[in-house]
Structures are given as C-alpha cells and as structure tokens.
Amino acid sequence: MATSTHATHDTHSTTAGSGWSTRRIAVTALFCALSLITSFIEIPIFPPAPWLEYDPSCVVALVAGLAFGPATGTIVVVLSWLVHLVFQFSPWGVLMAIAANVSLVVPCSLIARKVSGRRGLACGMGVGAAVSLVVCIVMNLFVTPLYTAVTMEAVVAMILPILLPFNLLKLVLNCALTALVQGPVSKALAE
C-alpha cells in the first residue's frame, strides 16, 4: 500500500479553495521555529572544505512542503532564514541558503503531490535535488565573488573538486533524513 506524502485533510492542504486554518498557521509556525533552530546546527561534512557546513533546516522545510504544499515549505524556508539573519548577519549566505532550499522544496513537494506514494516522493526528491544542485553552483559562481576575495575563476576551479561533491552530499542528507521522518510526521499531522 502506498503511503501519502502529505496531510490528507483538504483544510490543511494548498489545494484550490482551501484556507489557512488556525491549526495550519500554528503548525507552520512550529515548522518555522524548528527550521530556525536547526539552521544553527552547522556540521562540517566535507573534509576537503571544512568551511562548508551542513545544517538540517531544509529537512524541516521539506517535510512542511510535503505535508502542506510548496507554499508552506517556501514560507518555512524564507521566514526561518530571515530570522536567522538577525542572529548571524550574513545576507549573502542567507540568500544562497534560501535559493538552495526553495529550489529543493518546491519541485519536490509539487511532484510528490501529483504522484502519490514512494514513487512520487523519490521522483520529487530527484528532480528537486537536480534543480537545487544547479541553483547552488550558479549562486556560488555569481554570489561568492561578491562577498569574498575569491574570483569567479577560483570558484570555477572549485566546482568539481569541492562545490559539486559538497552540494551532492548535502542534498543526499536532506532527502534521506526527510524520507526517514516524513511518514511519521505526516501521520501525526493527519490525526
């Protein structure tokens, strides 16, 4: 039997004609808070580039997007990272994090809502990861030279040995962790 990747109550989805109930607003606020908290968990996961750190905040946004749709997932990403900006002022880093996370959450949650079950989740994660990977590389090419002393040529030289493997590893972690927690969270939200 295929498992659903989103909450089953229409009053809590982003389908046409539905509204934002008090419950949905409260749950979205909890997702935002959890995403903010997890954005401060920064783990160096790629030894050749210890300055590049992984944070699991996208997992929370991805679960929110799968449960309630891409709009909710995007709200969780944007609000949590804007609040993060207050505590760690890094506007370029926040811009890159928002772009990377939204580019994973939106395609994944859209596809998972159209194609139900594990197949939809896997397909959504695959497409979302591919889109996010492209966005991450492009953002690194153009944004990194703006706030560091690194030239675009130096960033290009880092794509294959550093940026591509780091971002792939980050996306695999986000998708794997989401796949582990998404089912139980969706069941809890459906109750």
C-alpha atoms as a PDB file:
ATOM      1  CA  MET A   1       0.000   0.000   0.000  1.00  0.00           C
ATOM      2  CA  ALA A   2       1.376   3.402  -0.976  1.00  0.00           C
ATOM      3  CA  THR A   3       1.810   5.927   1.769  1.00  0.00           C
ATOM      4  CA  SER A   4       0.727   9.503   1.327  1.00  0.00           C
ATOM      5  CA  THR A   5       3.373  12.182   1.390  1.00  0.00           C
ATOM      6  CA  HIS A   6       1.077  14.947   2.546  1.00  0.00           C
ATOM      7  CA  ALA A   7      -1.624  15.638   5.080  1.00  0.00           C
ATOM      8  CA  THR A   8      -4.901  14.145   3.936  1.00  0.00           C
ATOM      9  CA  HIS A   9      -7.282  16.803   5.207  1.00  0.00           C
ATOM     10  CA  ASP A  10      -8.170  19.282   2.463  1.00  0.00           C
ATOM     11  CA  THR A  11      -8.497  22.039   5.051  1.00  0.00           C
ATOM     12  CA  HIS A  12      -4.773  21.675   5.667  1.00  0.00           C
ATOM     13  CA  SER A  13      -3.519  21.487   2.093  1.00  0.00           C
ATOM     14  CA  THR A  14      -2.730  24.080  -0.524  1.00  0.00           C
ATOM     15  CA  THR A  15      -5.356  22.820  -2.942  1.00  0.00           C
ATOM     16  CA  ALA A  16      -7.539  25.389  -4.665  1.00  0.00           C
ATOM     17  CA  GLY A  17     -10.223  26.839  -2.450  1.00  0.00           C
ATOM     18  CA  SER A  18      -8.670  25.832   0.841  1.00  0.00           C
ATOM     19  CA  GLY A  19      -7.860  28.315   3.539  1.00  0.00           C
ATOM     20  CA  TRP A  20      -5.284  28.578   6.220  1.00  0.00           C
ATOM     21  CA  SER A  21      -6.910  27.255   9.383  1.00  0.00           C
ATOM     22  CA  THR A  22      -5.704  28.265  12.821  1.00  0.00           C
ATOM     23  CA  ARG A  23      -4.220  24.788  13.180  1.00  0.00           C
ATOM     24  CA  ARG A  24      -2.311  25.084   9.916  1.00  0.00           C
ATOM     25  CA  ILE A  25      -0.941  28.504  10.851  1.00  0.00           C
ATOM     26  CA  ALA A  26       0.175  27.147  14.240  1.00  0.00           C
ATOM     27  CA  VAL A  27       1.813  24.073  12.688  1.00  0.00           C
ATOM     28  CA  THR A  28       3.548  26.251  10.087  1.00  0.00           C
ATOM     29  CA  ALA A  29       4.850  28.497  12.876  1.00  0.00           C
ATOM     30  CA  LEU A  30       6.206  25.404  14.646  1.00  0.00           C
ATOM     31  CA  PHE A  31       7.897  24.286  11.426  1.00  0.00           C
ATOM     32  CA  CYS A  32       9.426  27.780  11.083  1.00  0.00           C
ATOM     33  CA  ALA A  33      10.727  27.680  14.658  1.00  0.00           C
ATOM     34  CA  LEU A  34      12.174  24.195  14.227  1.00  0.00           C
ATOM     35  CA  SER A  35      13.771  25.177  10.921  1.00  0.00           C
ATOM     36  CA  LEU A  36      15.315  28.252  12.568  1.00  0.00           C
ATOM     37  CA  ILE A  37      16.701  26.203  15.455  1.00  0.00           C
ATOM     38  CA  THR A  38      18.171  23.569  13.144  1.00  0.00           C
ATOM     39  CA  SER A  39      19.740  26.266  10.946  1.00  0.00           C
ATOM     40  CA  PHE A  40      22.193  26.897  13.788  1.00  0.00           C
ATOM     41  CA  ILE A  41      23.338  23.263  13.795  1.00  0.00           C
ATOM     42  CA  GLU A  42      26.291  23.620  11.445  1.00  0.00           C
ATOM     43  CA  ILE A  43      28.282  20.480  10.734  1.00  0.00           C
ATOM     44  CA  PRO A  44      31.372  20.286   8.515  1.00  0.00           C
ATOM     45  CA  ILE A  45      30.608  17.214   6.383  1.00  0.00           C
ATOM     46  CA  PHE A  46      33.202  17.528   3.641  1.00  0.00           C
ATOM     47  CA  PRO A  47      36.798  17.306   4.952  1.00  0.00           C
ATOM     48  CA  PRO A  48      38.447  18.906   1.869  1.00  0.00           C
ATOM     49  CA  ALA A  49      36.386  22.059   2.566  1.00  0.00           C
ATOM     50  CA  PRO A  50      35.731  22.335   6.316  1.00  0.00           C
ATOM     51  CA  TRP A  51      34.419  25.895   5.893  1.00  0.00           C
ATOM     52  CA  LEU A  52      31.387  24.498   4.044  1.00  0.00           C
ATOM     53  CA  GLU A  53      28.919  23.333   6.668  1.00  0.00           C
ATOM     54  CA  TYR A  54      25.678  21.378   6.542  1.00  0.00           C
ATOM     55  CA  ASP A  55      22.622  22.414   8.510  1.00  0.00           C
ATOM     56  CA  PRO A  56      19.445  20.288   8.620  1.00  0.00           C
ATOM     57  CA  SER A  57      16.971  23.198   8.386  1.00  0.00           C
ATOM     58  CA  CYS A  58      15.955  22.191   4.860  1.00  0.00           C
ATOM     59  CA  VAL A  59      14.704  18.846   6.193  1.00  0.00           C
ATOM     60  CA  VAL A  60      12.102  20.690   8.266  1.00  0.00           C
ATOM     61  CA  ALA A  61      11.040  22.854   5.312  1.00  0.00           C
ATOM     62  CA  LEU A  62      10.876  19.825   3.035  1.00  0.00           C
ATOM     63  CA  VAL A  63       8.643  17.954   5.494  1.00  0.00           C
ATOM     64  CA  ALA A  64       6.420  21.059   5.729  1.00  0.00           C
ATOM     65  CA  GLY A  65       6.260  21.276   1.936  1.00  0.00           C
ATOM     66  CA  LEU A  66       5.375  17.610   1.608  1.00  0.00           C
ATOM     67  CA  ALA A  67       2.705  17.877   4.297  1.00  0.00           C
ATOM     68  CA  PHE A  68       1.082  21.151   3.270  1.00  0.00           C
ATOM     69  CA  GLY A  69       2.387  22.024  -0.179  1.00  0.00           C
ATOM     70  CA  PRO A  70       5.107  24.136  -1.767  1.00  0.00           C
ATOM     71  CA  ALA A  71       3.772  27.458  -0.452  1.00  0.00           C
ATOM     72  CA  THR A  72       4.113  26.306   3.155  1.00  0.00           C
ATOM     73  CA  GLY A  73       7.555  24.830   2.504  1.00  0.00           C
ATOM     74  CA  THR A  74       8.684  28.103   0.942  1.00  0.00           C
ATOM     75  CA  ILE A  75       7.289  30.124   3.855  1.00  0.00           C
ATOM     76  CA  VAL A  76       9.197  27.920   6.303  1.00  0.00           C
ATOM     77  CA  VAL A  77      12.449  28.390   4.353  1.00  0.00           C
ATOM     78  CA  VAL A  78      12.140  32.143   3.905  1.00  0.00           C
ATOM     79  CA  LEU A  79      10.894  33.070   7.383  1.00  0.00           C
ATOM     80  CA  SER A  80      13.383  30.883   9.239  1.00  0.00           C
ATOM     81  CA  TRP A  81      16.339  32.214   7.234  1.00  0.00           C
ATOM     82  CA  LEU A  82      15.229  35.844   7.559  1.00  0.00           C
ATOM     83  CA  VAL A  83      15.104  35.415  11.337  1.00  0.00           C
ATOM     84  CA  HIS A  84      18.478  33.614  11.179  1.00  0.00           C
ATOM     85  CA  LEU A  85      19.828  36.777   9.550  1.00  0.00           C
ATOM     86  CA  VAL A  86      19.071  38.717  12.750  1.00  0.00           C
ATOM     87  CA  PHE A  87      21.344  36.420  14.775  1.00  0.00           C
ATOM     88  CA  GLN A  88      24.125  35.872  12.236  1.00  0.00           C
ATOM     89  CA  PHE A  89      24.327  38.766   9.813  1.00  0.00           C
ATOM     90  CA  SER A  90      25.354  37.148   6.556  1.00  0.00           C
ATOM     91  CA  PRO A  91      22.974  38.404   3.866  1.00  0.00           C
ATOM     92  CA  TRP A  92      24.747  36.638   1.009  1.00  0.00           C
ATOM     93  CA  GLY A  93      24.821  33.341   2.885  1.00  0.00           C
ATOM     94  CA  VAL A  94      21.132  33.688   3.744  1.00  0.00           C
ATOM     95  CA  LEU A  95      20.295  34.492   0.116  1.00  0.00           C
ATOM     96  CA  MET A  96      22.177  31.388  -1.024  1.00  0.00           C
ATOM     97  CA  ALA A  97      20.532  29.202   1.640  1.00  0.00           C
ATOM     98  CA  ILE A  98      17.057  30.426   0.684  1.00  0.00           C
ATOM     99  CA  ALA A  99      17.720  29.808  -3.018  1.00  0.00           C
ATOM    100  CA  ALA A 100      19.180  26.337  -2.377  1.00  0.00           C
ATOM    101  CA  ASN A 101      16.371  25.245  -0.060  1.00  0.00           C
ATOM    102  CA  VAL A 102      13.445  26.668  -2.037  1.00  0.00           C
ATOM    103  CA  SER A 103      14.809  25.099  -5.219  1.00  0.00           C
ATOM    104  CA  LEU A 104      14.683  21.696  -3.488  1.00  0.00           C
ATOM    105  CA  VAL A 105      11.406  22.124  -1.579  1.00  0.00           C
ATOM    106  CA  VAL A 106       9.199  23.462  -4.390  1.00  0.00           C
ATOM    107  CA  PRO A 107       9.842  20.833  -7.106  1.00  0.00           C
ATOM    108  CA  CYS A 108       9.884  18.002  -4.575  1.00  0.00           C
ATOM    109  CA  SER A 109       6.601  18.959  -2.933  1.00  0.00           C
ATOM    110  CA  LEU A 110       4.893  19.716  -6.264  1.00  0.00           C
ATOM    111  CA  ILE A 111       5.812  16.340  -7.757  1.00  0.00           C
ATOM    112  CA  ALA A 112       5.062  14.407  -4.557  1.00  0.00           C
ATOM    113  CA  ARG A 113       1.570  15.946  -4.523  1.00  0.00           C
ATOM    114  CA  LYS A 114       0.936  14.971  -8.162  1.00  0.00           C
ATOM    115  CA  VAL A 115       2.369  11.433  -7.967  1.00  0.00           C
ATOM    116  CA  SER A 116       1.383   9.741  -4.713  1.00  0.00           C
ATOM    117  CA  GLY A 117       3.372   7.265  -2.685  1.00  0.00           C
ATOM    118  CA  ARG A 118       7.050   6.457  -2.584  1.00  0.00           C
ATOM    119  CA  ARG A 119       7.425   6.845  -6.343  1.00  0.00           C
ATOM    120  CA  GLY A 120       6.245  10.458  -6.171  1.00  0.00           C
ATOM    121  CA  LEU A 121       8.476  11.173  -3.200  1.00  0.00           C
ATOM    122  CA  ALA A 122      11.538   9.649  -4.893  1.00  0.00           C
ATOM    123  CA  CYS A 123      10.841  11.398  -8.193  1.00  0.00           C
ATOM    124  CA  GLY A 124      10.211  14.704  -6.426  1.00  0.00           C
ATOM    125  CA  MET A 125      13.404  14.410  -4.425  1.00  0.00           C
ATOM    126  CA  GLY A 126      15.397  13.531  -7.537  1.00  0.00           C
ATOM    127  CA  VAL A 127      14.075  16.461  -9.558  1.00  0.00           C
ATOM    128  CA  GLY A 128      14.315  18.835  -6.593  1.00  0.00           C
ATOM    129  CA  ALA A 129      17.895  17.766  -5.890  1.00  0.00           C
ATOM    130  CA  ALA A 130      18.879  18.287  -9.540  1.00  0.00           C
ATOM    131  CA  VAL A 131      17.303  21.761  -9.615  1.00  0.00           C
ATOM    132  CA  SER A 132      18.874  22.674  -6.282  1.00  0.00           C
ATOM    133  CA  LEU A 133      22.299  21.459  -7.389  1.00  0.00           C
ATOM    134  CA  VAL A 134      22.188  23.713 -10.455  1.00  0.00           C
ATOM    135  CA  VAL A 135      20.985  26.656  -8.344  1.00  0.00           C
ATOM    136  CA  CYS A 136      23.762  26.084  -5.777  1.00  0.00           C
ATOM    137  CA  ILE A 137      26.503  26.025  -8.413  1.00  0.00           C
ATOM    138  CA  VAL A 138      25.154  29.102 -10.228  1.00  0.00           C
ATOM    139  CA  MET A 139      24.751  31.002  -6.951  1.00  0.00           C
ATOM    140  CA  ASN A 140      28.299  30.090  -5.950  1.00  0.00           C
ATOM    141  CA  LEU A 141      29.611  31.333  -9.290  1.00  0.00           C
ATOM    142  CA  PHE A 142      27.996  34.739  -9.045  1.00  0.00           C
ATOM    143  CA  VAL A 143      27.457  35.417  -5.343  1.00  0.00           C
ATOM    144  CA  THR A 144      30.673  34.077  -3.774  1.00  0.00           C
ATOM    145  CA  PRO A 145      32.915  36.618  -5.572  1.00  0.00           C
ATOM    146  CA  LEU A 146      30.670  39.433  -4.281  1.00  0.00           C
ATOM    147  CA  TYR A 147      31.382  38.834  -0.603  1.00  0.00           C
ATOM    148  CA  THR A 148      34.761  37.080  -0.555  1.00  0.00           C
ATOM    149  CA  ALA A 149      38.168  37.748  -2.022  1.00  0.00           C
ATOM    150  CA  VAL A 150      37.674  34.737  -4.299  1.00  0.00           C
ATOM    151  CA  THR A 151      37.483  35.402  -8.035  1.00  0.00           C
ATOM    152  CA  MET A 152      34.957  33.774 -10.342  1.00  0.00           C
ATOM    153  CA  GLU A 153      37.832  31.824 -11.910  1.00  0.00           C
ATOM    154  CA  ALA A 154      38.729  30.418  -8.491  1.00  0.00           C
ATOM    155  CA  VAL A 155      35.090  29.445  -7.909  1.00  0.00           C
ATOM    156  CA  VAL A 156      35.008  27.705 -11.309  1.00  0.00           C
ATOM    157  CA  ALA A 157      38.130  25.772 -10.298  1.00  0.00           C
ATOM    158  CA  MET A 158      36.345  24.637  -7.099  1.00  0.00           C
ATOM    159  CA  ILE A 159      33.218  23.282  -8.818  1.00  0.00           C
ATOM    160  CA  LEU A 160      34.331  19.697  -9.482  1.00  0.00           C
ATOM    161  CA  PRO A 161      36.618  19.035  -6.510  1.00  0.00           C
ATOM    162  CA  ILE A 162      34.668  20.913  -3.812  1.00  0.00           C
ATOM    163  CA  LEU A 163      31.306  22.521  -4.629  1.00  0.00           C
ATOM    164  CA  LEU A 164      29.720  19.678  -6.590  1.00  0.00           C
ATOM    165  CA  PRO A 165      30.551  16.898  -4.086  1.00  0.00           C
ATOM    166  CA  PHE A 166      29.643  19.047  -1.063  1.00  0.00           C
ATOM    167  CA  ASN A 167      26.285  20.064  -2.507  1.00  0.00           C
ATOM    168  CA  LEU A 168      25.531  16.497  -3.612  1.00  0.00           C
ATOM    169  CA  LEU A 169      26.301  15.220  -0.117  1.00  0.00           C
ATOM    170  CA  LYS A 170      24.142  17.964   1.426  1.00  0.00           C
ATOM    171  CA  LEU A 171      21.225  17.110  -0.879  1.00  0.00           C
ATOM    172  CA  VAL A 172      21.528  13.376  -0.202  1.00  0.00           C
ATOM    173  CA  LEU A 173      21.464  14.064   3.547  1.00  0.00           C
ATOM    174  CA  ASN A 174      18.439  16.372   3.224  1.00  0.00           C
ATOM    175  CA  CYS A 175      16.500  13.860   1.139  1.00  0.00           C
ATOM    176  CA  ALA A 176      17.469  10.810   3.220  1.00  0.00           C
ATOM    177  CA  LEU A 177      16.617  12.472   6.535  1.00  0.00           C
ATOM    178  CA  THR A 178      13.339  13.758   5.105  1.00  0.00           C
ATOM    179  CA  ALA A 179      12.429  10.287   3.823  1.00  0.00           C
ATOM    180  CA  LEU A 180      13.010   8.924   7.340  1.00  0.00           C
ATOM    181  CA  VAL A 181      10.886  11.447   9.241  1.00  0.00           C
ATOM    182  CA  GLN A 182       8.281  12.495   6.677  1.00  0.00           C
ATOM    183  CA  GLY A 183       5.996   9.461   7.035  1.00  0.00           C
ATOM    184  CA  PRO A 184       5.584   9.624  10.816  1.00  0.00           C
ATOM    185  CA  VAL A 185       5.188  13.419  10.741  1.00  0.00           C
ATOM    186  CA  SER A 186       2.515  13.246   8.023  1.00  0.00           C
ATOM    187  CA  LYS A 187       0.630  10.591  10.001  1.00  0.00           C
ATOM    188  CA  ALA A 188       0.762  12.747  13.129  1.00  0.00           C
ATOM    189  CA  LEU A 189      -0.486  15.781  11.189  1.00  0.00           C
ATOM    190  CA  ALA A 190      -3.365  13.801   9.681  1.00  0.00           C
ATOM    191  CA  GLU A 191      -4.726  12.896  13.126  1.00  0.00           C
END
